[in-house]
C-alpha atoms as a PDB file:
ATOM      1  CA  MET A   1      17.103 -14.918 -51.802  1.00  0.00           C
ATOM      2  CA  ARG A   2      14.763 -15.897 -55.305  1.00  0.00           C
ATOM      3  CA  THR A   3      14.896 -16.572 -58.831  1.00  0.00           C
ATOM      4  CA  GLN A   4      13.707 -14.690 -61.621  1.00  0.00           C
ATOM      5  CA  ASN A   5      10.143 -16.658 -61.106  1.00  0.00           C
ATOM      6  CA  GLY A   6       9.832 -16.183 -57.116  1.00  0.00           C
ATOM      7  CA  GLN A   7      11.303 -19.488 -56.119  1.00  0.00           C
ATOM      8  CA  ASN A   8      12.850 -19.174 -53.038  1.00  0.00           C
ATOM      9  CA  VAL A   9      17.101 -19.979 -53.691  1.00  0.00           C
ATOM     10  CA  CYS A  10      19.271 -21.886 -51.272  1.00  0.00           C
ATOM     11  CA  THR A  11      22.827 -21.995 -50.755  1.00  0.00           C
ATOM     12  CA  ASN A  12      23.027 -24.248 -47.841  1.00  0.00           C
ATOM     13  CA  CYS A  13      19.964 -26.750 -47.622  1.00  0.00           C
ATOM     14  CA  ASN A  14      21.432 -29.219 -49.209  1.00  0.00           C
ATOM     15  CA  SER A  15      24.757 -28.797 -47.918  1.00  0.00           C
ATOM     16  CA  ALA A  16      25.817 -32.712 -45.845  1.00  0.00           C
ATOM     17  CA  THR A  17      27.526 -30.506 -43.930  1.00  0.00           C
ATOM     18  CA  HIS A  18      26.321 -27.523 -42.556  1.00  0.00           C
ATOM     19  CA  ASP A  19      25.530 -28.264 -39.536  1.00  0.00           C
ATOM     20  CA  VAL A  20      22.097 -27.697 -37.863  1.00  0.00           C
ATOM     21  CA  LYS A  21      20.720 -27.936 -34.661  1.00  0.00           C
ATOM     22  CA  PRO A  22      17.459 -29.625 -33.801  1.00  0.00           C
ATOM     23  CA  VAL A  23      14.376 -27.166 -33.363  1.00  0.00           C
ATOM     24  CA  SER A  24      12.327 -29.557 -31.195  1.00  0.00           C
ATOM     25  CA  LYS A  25      14.368 -28.038 -28.052  1.00  0.00           C
ATOM     26  CA  ILE A  26      12.417 -25.204 -28.053  1.00  0.00           C
ATOM     27  CA  SER A  27      10.128 -25.462 -24.854  1.00  0.00           C
ATOM     28  CA  THR A  28       7.079 -23.434 -26.240  1.00  0.00           C
ATOM     29  CA  MET A  29       3.918 -25.097 -28.495  1.00  0.00           C
ATOM     30  CA  LEU A  30       5.502 -23.635 -32.183  1.00  0.00           C
ATOM     31  CA  PHE A  31       3.235 -23.700 -34.920  1.00  0.00           C
ATOM     32  CA  PRO A  32       4.387 -25.357 -38.095  1.00  0.00           C
ATOM     33  CA  SER A  33       5.229 -22.941 -39.855  1.00  0.00           C
ATOM     34  CA  GLN A  34       6.619 -20.913 -37.200  1.00  0.00           C
ATOM     35  CA  VAL A  35       8.976 -24.237 -36.784  1.00  0.00           C
ATOM     36  CA  ASN A  36       9.542 -24.249 -40.734  1.00  0.00           C
ATOM     37  CA  LEU A  37      10.575 -20.940 -40.658  1.00  0.00           C
ATOM     38  CA  LEU A  38      13.144 -21.059 -37.741  1.00  0.00           C
ATOM     39  CA  ASN A  39      14.097 -25.124 -39.621  1.00  0.00           C
ATOM     40  CA  ARG A  40      14.665 -22.987 -42.915  1.00  0.00           C
ATOM     41  CA  ILE A  41      16.523 -19.927 -40.734  1.00  0.00           C
ATOM     42  CA  THR A  42      19.392 -22.534 -39.179  1.00  0.00           C
ATOM     43  CA  SER A  43      19.576 -24.438 -42.411  1.00  0.00           C
ATOM     44  CA  CYS A  44      20.273 -22.147 -44.871  1.00  0.00           C
ATOM     45  CA  GLY A  45      22.100 -19.311 -43.377  1.00  0.00           C
ATOM     46  CA  LEU A  46      21.891 -17.482 -41.206  1.00  0.00           C
ATOM     47  CA  LEU A  47      25.207 -15.461 -41.433  1.00  0.00           C
ATOM     48  CA  GLU A  48      24.226 -14.400 -44.583  1.00  0.00           C
ATOM     49  CA  LEU A  49      20.521 -14.308 -44.203  1.00  0.00           C
ATOM     50  CA  ILE A  50      21.837 -11.472 -41.134  1.00  0.00           C
ATOM     51  CA  ASP A  51      24.621 -10.318 -43.515  1.00  0.00           C
ATOM     52  CA  SER A  52      21.939  -9.219 -46.085  1.00  0.00           C
ATOM     53  CA  LEU A  53      19.136  -7.489 -43.847  1.00  0.00           C
ATOM     54  CA  GLU A  54      22.187  -4.844 -42.133  1.00  0.00           C
ATOM     55  CA  THR A  55      23.551  -4.503 -46.148  1.00  0.00           C
ATOM     56  CA  ILE A  56      19.360  -3.893 -47.222  1.00  0.00           C
ATOM     57  CA  HIS A  57      18.617  -1.247 -43.517  1.00  0.00           C
ATOM     58  CA  ASP A  58      22.712   0.436 -44.557  1.00  0.00           C
ATOM     59  CA  LEU A  59      21.750   0.696 -48.198  1.00  0.00           C
ATOM     60  CA  ALA A  60      18.234   2.247 -47.242  1.00  0.00           C
ATOM     61  CA  LEU A  61      19.455   4.423 -44.730  1.00  0.00           C
ATOM     62  CA  TYR A  62      22.642   6.060 -45.592  1.00  0.00           C
ATOM     63  CA  HIS A  63      23.472   5.533 -49.272  1.00  0.00           C
ATOM     64  CA  SER A  64      20.553   6.383 -50.682  1.00  0.00           C
ATOM     65  CA  HIS A  65      19.071  10.698 -51.092  1.00  0.00           C
ATOM     66  CA  ALA A  66      15.291   9.796 -51.088  1.00  0.00           C
ATOM     67  CA  GLU A  67      13.399  11.141 -47.708  1.00  0.00           C
ATOM     68  CA  ILE A  68      12.889   8.558 -45.552  1.00  0.00           C
ATOM     69  CA  ASN A  69       8.622   9.029 -44.572  1.00  0.00           C
ATOM     70  CA  GLU A  70       7.636   7.723 -40.383  1.00  0.00           C
ATOM     71  CA  HIS A  71       6.702   4.240 -42.526  1.00  0.00           C
ATOM     72  CA  GLU A  72       9.471   3.697 -44.009  1.00  0.00           C
ATOM     73  CA  LYS A  73      11.547   4.413 -40.517  1.00  0.00           C
ATOM     74  CA  ILE A  74       9.622   2.252 -39.291  1.00  0.00           C
ATOM     75  CA  ALA A  75      10.264  -0.380 -41.841  1.00  0.00           C
ATOM     76  CA  LEU A  76      13.786  -0.191 -41.159  1.00  0.00           C
ATOM     77  CA  LEU A  77      13.260  -0.616 -37.408  1.00  0.00           C
ATOM     78  CA  ASP A  78      12.246  -3.551 -37.838  1.00  0.00           C
ATOM     79  CA  VAL A  79      14.833  -5.402 -40.321  1.00  0.00           C
ATOM     80  CA  GLU A  80      17.245  -3.915 -37.599  1.00  0.00           C
ATOM     81  CA  THR A  81      14.780  -5.840 -34.754  1.00  0.00           C
ATOM     82  CA  LEU A  82      15.016  -9.347 -36.811  1.00  0.00           C
ATOM     83  CA  TRP A  83      19.154  -9.324 -37.737  1.00  0.00           C
ATOM     84  CA  GLU A  84      19.293  -8.317 -34.197  1.00  0.00           C
ATOM     85  CA  ALA A  85      17.331 -10.997 -32.833  1.00  0.00           C
ATOM     86  CA  LEU A  86      18.771 -13.704 -35.269  1.00  0.00           C
ATOM     87  CA  GLU A  87      22.345 -12.836 -34.038  1.00  0.00           C
ATOM     88  CA  GLN A  88      21.294 -13.042 -30.643  1.00  0.00           C
ATOM     89  CA  MET A  89      20.481 -16.996 -32.319  1.00  0.00           C
ATOM     90  CA  VAL A  90      23.921 -16.977 -33.917  1.00  0.00           C
ATOM     91  CA  GLU A  91      25.396 -16.450 -30.078  1.00  0.00           C
ATOM     92  CA  GLU A  92      22.687 -19.989 -28.395  1.00  0.00           C
ATOM     93  CA  VAL A  93      23.671 -22.116 -31.469  1.00  0.00           C
END
């Protein structure tokens, strides 16, 4: 989520009760930016992110009367692919 001035807001990042699994269990080398992304996703509400991506997808696909071109269909498929991968992360955690 972003504020009006473009800053990222994470409602769960400072929660002391949130269970964060260490990313260090990954067996292959990751770039620091990839580790940062995984840490941010897992600590800032994975289930909330999944719900947001699914909501955006459904809103664009099912609640819009605008025609969707091929590029937009691919973008919606990418969003679906992302939330499905995040769901797999939830199952593994």
